[in-house]
Protein backbone atom coordinates (compact mmCIF):
# COMPACT_ATOMS: atom_id res chain seq x y z
CA MET A 1 -11.56 20.69 18.22
CA PRO A 2 -10.95 20.21 14.53
CA GLU A 3 -12.55 17.28 12.60
CA GLU A 4 -10.37 14.43 11.78
CA TRP A 5 -10.12 13.92 8.08
CA THR A 6 -9.50 10.42 6.96
CA ASP A 7 -8.47 9.57 3.40
CA PRO A 8 -10.45 6.51 2.13
CA GLY A 9 -7.49 5.43 0.02
CA PRO A 10 -7.44 4.38 -3.58
CA ALA A 11 -10.37 2.89 -5.08
CA ASP A 12 -8.80 -0.35 -6.14
CA PRO A 13 -5.48 -0.69 -4.18
CA VAL A 14 -4.80 -4.41 -5.23
CA ALA A 15 -4.87 -3.25 -8.93
CA ILE A 16 -2.44 -0.42 -7.99
CA LEU A 17 -0.04 -2.85 -6.35
CA THR A 18 -0.31 -5.37 -9.13
CA ARG A 19 0.32 -2.74 -11.93
CA TRP A 20 3.26 -1.38 -9.79
CA ALA A 21 4.92 -4.74 -9.48
CA ASP A 22 4.18 -5.78 -13.11
CA ALA A 23 6.11 -2.55 -14.10
CA GLY A 24 9.11 -3.81 -12.17
CA ALA A 25 8.70 -1.43 -9.27
CA ILE A 26 8.61 -2.19 -5.58
CA TRP A 27 5.97 -1.84 -2.81
CA ARG A 28 6.40 -2.20 0.82
CA VAL A 29 4.10 -2.49 3.83
CA LEU A 30 5.07 0.57 6.02
CA GLY A 31 2.61 -0.05 8.87
CA ARG A 32 -0.39 -1.89 10.09
CA ARG A 33 -2.85 -0.37 12.58
CA GLY A 34 -5.98 -2.25 13.30
CA ASP A 35 -7.84 -2.90 10.13
CA ARG A 36 -5.78 -0.47 8.09
CA VAL A 37 -2.49 -0.75 6.31
CA THR A 38 -0.02 1.86 4.87
CA VAL A 39 1.89 0.80 1.77
CA GLY A 40 4.87 2.66 0.18
CA LEU A 41 5.45 2.72 -3.55
CA TYR A 42 9.13 2.84 -4.51
CA GLN A 43 11.29 3.10 -7.62
CA CYS A 44 12.45 -0.06 -9.37
CA THR A 45 15.72 0.20 -7.46
CA GLY A 46 13.88 0.22 -4.13
CA GLY A 47 15.56 3.47 -3.12
CA GLU A 48 13.23 6.41 -3.24
CA GLU A 49 9.71 6.34 -2.05
CA VAL A 50 7.37 7.69 -4.84
CA ASP A 51 3.95 7.65 -3.19
CA ARG A 52 2.18 5.93 -0.31
CA PHE A 53 -1.42 5.19 0.68
CA THR A 54 -3.41 3.92 3.61
CA SER A 55 -6.40 1.73 3.16
CA GLY A 56 -8.65 -0.61 5.08
CA ASP A 57 -9.95 -2.33 1.95
CA ALA A 58 -10.77 -5.91 2.68
CA ALA A 59 -9.55 -7.16 -0.64
CA LEU A 60 -6.11 -5.42 -0.02
CA LEU A 61 -5.77 -6.94 3.39
CA ALA A 62 -6.38 -10.38 1.94
CA PHE A 63 -4.02 -9.75 -0.97
CA LEU A 64 -1.26 -8.67 1.47
CA GLY A 65 -1.82 -11.39 4.15
CA ASP A 66 1.40 -11.51 6.10
CA ARG A 67 3.52 -10.16 3.28
CA ARG A 68 5.82 -7.14 3.93
CA GLY A 69 6.50 -6.28 0.39
CA SER A 70 6.36 -7.14 -3.31
CA ASP A 71 9.54 -9.30 -2.76
CA ASP A 72 7.68 -11.70 -0.45
């Protein structure tokens, strides 16, 4: 059985989301599973997904709270 590989996610996901929004781009919570969240990064128009990451970082979870995206 192969080992499961898990990506720890970015080192400072809150800084990534803050910079992304400050640049006028959009982020959205794509899913929540247990103590982890997947966030999609989108172009300024909100159309095309540029990147995504999954993280269980406590500061990120606190920053997100119940928000579903940068527009909340």
